[in-house]
Amino acid sequence: MLSYYDPSSVRVLVVDDHELTRLSLKLALSSQKNIQLVGLASNGQEAIKMVESHHPDVIILDLHMPVMDGWSASSYIKSIDPETQIIAYSAMEEKQAIALQQKSNFDAFCSKETATQELVELVTELAQKADSPTNSAVKMEING
């Protein structure tokens, strides 16, 4: 993880209970010039603590985790920092994802089957929306 703050980069937090997924995303995101990985968490409770201390622009948040799942964590996160963009990162099917987007605190859904570059593009796009004056939530789906 980078130890300095670069205001031109997107601050990203990765939250997933599978170590291999966290480390794979860390590797993929850390290689991007405009992305600063500010933390890795293994459950929603850890994510909330990291949001309070690191204030990420975008969070890649797994939905199914022990201790606290992504749905519960997203509610707390939005209450702490409503402008933080949250990507629901899951292996769930498309129909479930559409229903999720209509009644959730997530700004986008990304399948775990999505190509890495598409996820990176989604992170960058959401970060730009977080910085926009209107800051409207984006409901989109990226399929892999």
Protein backbone atom coordinates (compact mmCIF):
# COMPACT_ATOMS: atom_id res chain seq x y z
CA MET A 1 0.00 0.00 0.00
CA LEU A 2 1.10 3.53 -0.67
CA SER A 3 2.07 5.48 2.39
CA TYR A 4 1.58 9.00 1.03
CA TYR A 5 -1.54 10.87 -0.04
CA ASP A 6 -1.85 11.90 -3.68
CA PRO A 7 -4.93 14.08 -4.25
CA SER A 8 -4.99 13.22 -7.97
CA SER A 9 -5.39 9.52 -7.28
CA VAL A 10 -8.51 7.54 -6.43
CA ARG A 11 -8.45 6.24 -2.86
CA VAL A 12 -9.74 2.64 -2.84
CA LEU A 13 -10.61 0.21 -0.05
CA VAL A 14 -10.99 -3.51 -0.86
CA VAL A 15 -13.26 -5.60 1.40
CA ASP A 16 -13.53 -9.36 0.88
CA ASP A 17 -13.33 -12.31 3.24
CA HIS A 18 -11.23 -14.38 0.80
CA GLU A 19 -7.53 -13.61 1.16
CA LEU A 20 -6.74 -14.59 -2.43
CA THR A 21 -9.37 -12.16 -3.75
CA ARG A 22 -8.05 -9.32 -1.55
CA LEU A 23 -4.47 -9.94 -2.63
CA SER A 24 -5.41 -10.28 -6.32
CA LEU A 25 -7.30 -6.99 -6.22
CA LYS A 26 -4.43 -5.37 -4.32
CA LEU A 27 -2.02 -6.42 -7.05
CA ALA A 28 -4.33 -5.29 -9.86
CA LEU A 29 -5.17 -1.92 -8.30
CA SER A 30 -1.67 -1.10 -7.04
CA SER A 31 -0.33 -1.33 -10.58
CA GLN A 32 -2.59 1.56 -11.69
CA LYS A 33 -1.09 5.06 -11.73
CA ASN A 34 -4.28 6.82 -10.68
CA ILE A 35 -5.33 4.42 -7.89
CA GLN A 36 -4.11 4.51 -4.31
CA LEU A 37 -5.04 1.41 -2.31
CA VAL A 38 -5.72 2.68 1.20
CA GLY A 39 -6.64 -0.61 2.84
CA LEU A 40 -7.71 -4.22 2.79
CA ALA A 41 -10.45 -5.55 5.08
CA SER A 42 -11.83 -9.05 5.56
CA ASN A 43 -15.31 -8.11 6.81
CA GLY A 44 -17.74 -5.23 7.06
CA GLN A 45 -16.77 -4.31 10.61
CA GLU A 46 -13.13 -3.82 9.59
CA ALA A 47 -14.30 -1.85 6.55
CA ILE A 48 -16.23 0.64 8.70
CA LYS A 49 -13.15 1.29 10.85
CA MET A 50 -11.05 1.84 7.73
CA VAL A 51 -13.61 4.21 6.24
CA GLU A 52 -13.48 6.29 9.43
CA SER A 53 -9.68 6.54 9.30
CA HIS A 54 -8.85 6.46 5.56
CA HIS A 55 -11.90 8.06 3.87
CA PRO A 56 -11.74 6.14 0.58
CA ASP A 57 -13.35 7.50 -2.58
CA VAL A 58 -14.42 4.03 -3.73
CA ILE A 59 -14.97 0.75 -1.88
CA ILE A 60 -15.03 -2.65 -3.56
CA LEU A 61 -17.28 -4.50 -1.11
CA ASP A 62 -18.01 -8.22 -1.07
CA LEU A 63 -21.61 -8.98 -0.10
CA HIS A 64 -21.22 -12.30 1.73
CA MET A 65 -18.74 -12.15 4.63
CA PRO A 66 -18.56 -13.30 8.25
CA VAL A 67 -18.84 -10.86 11.20
CA MET A 68 -20.67 -8.23 9.09
CA ASP A 69 -21.87 -8.65 5.51
CA GLY A 70 -21.65 -6.09 2.72
CA TRP A 71 -25.30 -5.03 2.93
CA SER A 72 -25.03 -4.09 6.61
CA ALA A 73 -21.64 -2.47 6.16
CA SER A 74 -22.85 -0.36 3.23
CA SER A 75 -25.56 1.24 5.40
CA TYR A 76 -23.05 2.21 8.07
CA ILE A 77 -20.55 3.45 5.50
CA LYS A 78 -23.10 5.67 3.75
CA SER A 79 -24.12 7.13 7.12
CA ILE A 80 -20.45 7.97 7.87
CA ASP A 81 -19.60 9.27 4.41
CA PRO A 82 -22.50 9.45 1.92
CA GLU A 83 -20.19 10.48 -0.93
CA THR A 84 -18.13 7.29 -0.77
CA GLN A 85 -18.93 5.22 -3.84
CA ILE A 86 -19.57 1.55 -3.09
CA ILE A 87 -19.25 -1.26 -5.61
CA ALA A 88 -21.10 -4.44 -4.63
CA TYR A 89 -18.61 -7.12 -5.65
CA SER A 90 -20.29 -10.50 -5.83
CA ALA A 91 -20.73 -13.78 -7.65
CA MET A 92 -24.54 -13.45 -7.50
CA GLU A 93 -26.62 -13.85 -10.62
CA GLU A 94 -27.79 -10.97 -12.82
CA LYS A 95 -31.46 -11.08 -11.69
CA GLN A 96 -30.44 -10.84 -8.04
CA ALA A 97 -28.06 -7.97 -8.84
CA ILE A 98 -30.80 -5.94 -10.54
CA ALA A 99 -33.06 -6.35 -7.50
CA LEU A 100 -30.14 -5.44 -5.23
CA GLN A 101 -29.45 -2.20 -7.09
CA GLN A 102 -33.02 -0.99 -6.74
CA LYS A 103 -33.04 -1.14 -2.94
CA SER A 104 -29.52 -0.74 -1.69
CA ASN A 105 -26.74 1.60 -0.65
CA PHE A 106 -24.56 0.44 -3.53
CA ASP A 107 -23.59 2.74 -6.37
CA ALA A 108 -22.71 -0.07 -8.78
CA PHE A 109 -22.60 -3.84 -9.05
CA CYS A 110 -19.63 -5.77 -10.38
CA SER A 111 -19.60 -9.50 -10.91
CA LYS A 112 -16.55 -11.36 -9.63
CA GLU A 113 -16.35 -12.77 -13.16
CA THR A 114 -15.68 -9.30 -14.62
CA ALA A 115 -12.34 -8.66 -16.32
CA THR A 116 -9.87 -6.76 -14.14
CA GLN A 117 -9.61 -3.83 -16.54
CA GLU A 118 -13.40 -3.35 -16.49
CA LEU A 119 -13.34 -3.23 -12.69
CA VAL A 120 -10.51 -0.67 -12.78
CA GLU A 121 -12.53 1.44 -15.25
CA LEU A 122 -15.59 1.22 -13.00
CA VAL A 123 -13.54 2.36 -9.98
CA THR A 124 -12.23 5.35 -11.95
CA GLU A 125 -15.69 6.25 -13.27
CA LEU A 126 -17.26 6.15 -9.82
CA ALA A 127 -14.45 8.25 -8.37
CA GLN A 128 -15.18 10.94 -10.99
CA LYS A 129 -18.86 10.86 -10.04
CA ALA A 130 -17.94 11.23 -6.37
CA ASP A 131 -16.03 14.40 -7.29
CA SER A 132 -18.81 15.82 -9.48
CA PRO A 133 -20.89 18.72 -8.14
CA THR A 134 -24.16 16.81 -8.39
CA ASN A 135 -22.76 13.62 -6.89
CA SER A 136 -25.73 11.56 -8.02
CA ALA A 137 -25.64 7.87 -7.27
CA VAL A 138 -25.00 5.74 -10.30
CA LYS A 139 -26.85 2.50 -10.71
CA MET A 140 -25.03 0.36 -13.21
CA GLU A 141 -24.10 -3.19 -13.79
CA ILE A 142 -20.89 -4.56 -15.21
CA ASN A 143 -21.09 -8.12 -16.43
CA GLY A 144 -18.12 -10.36 -17.04
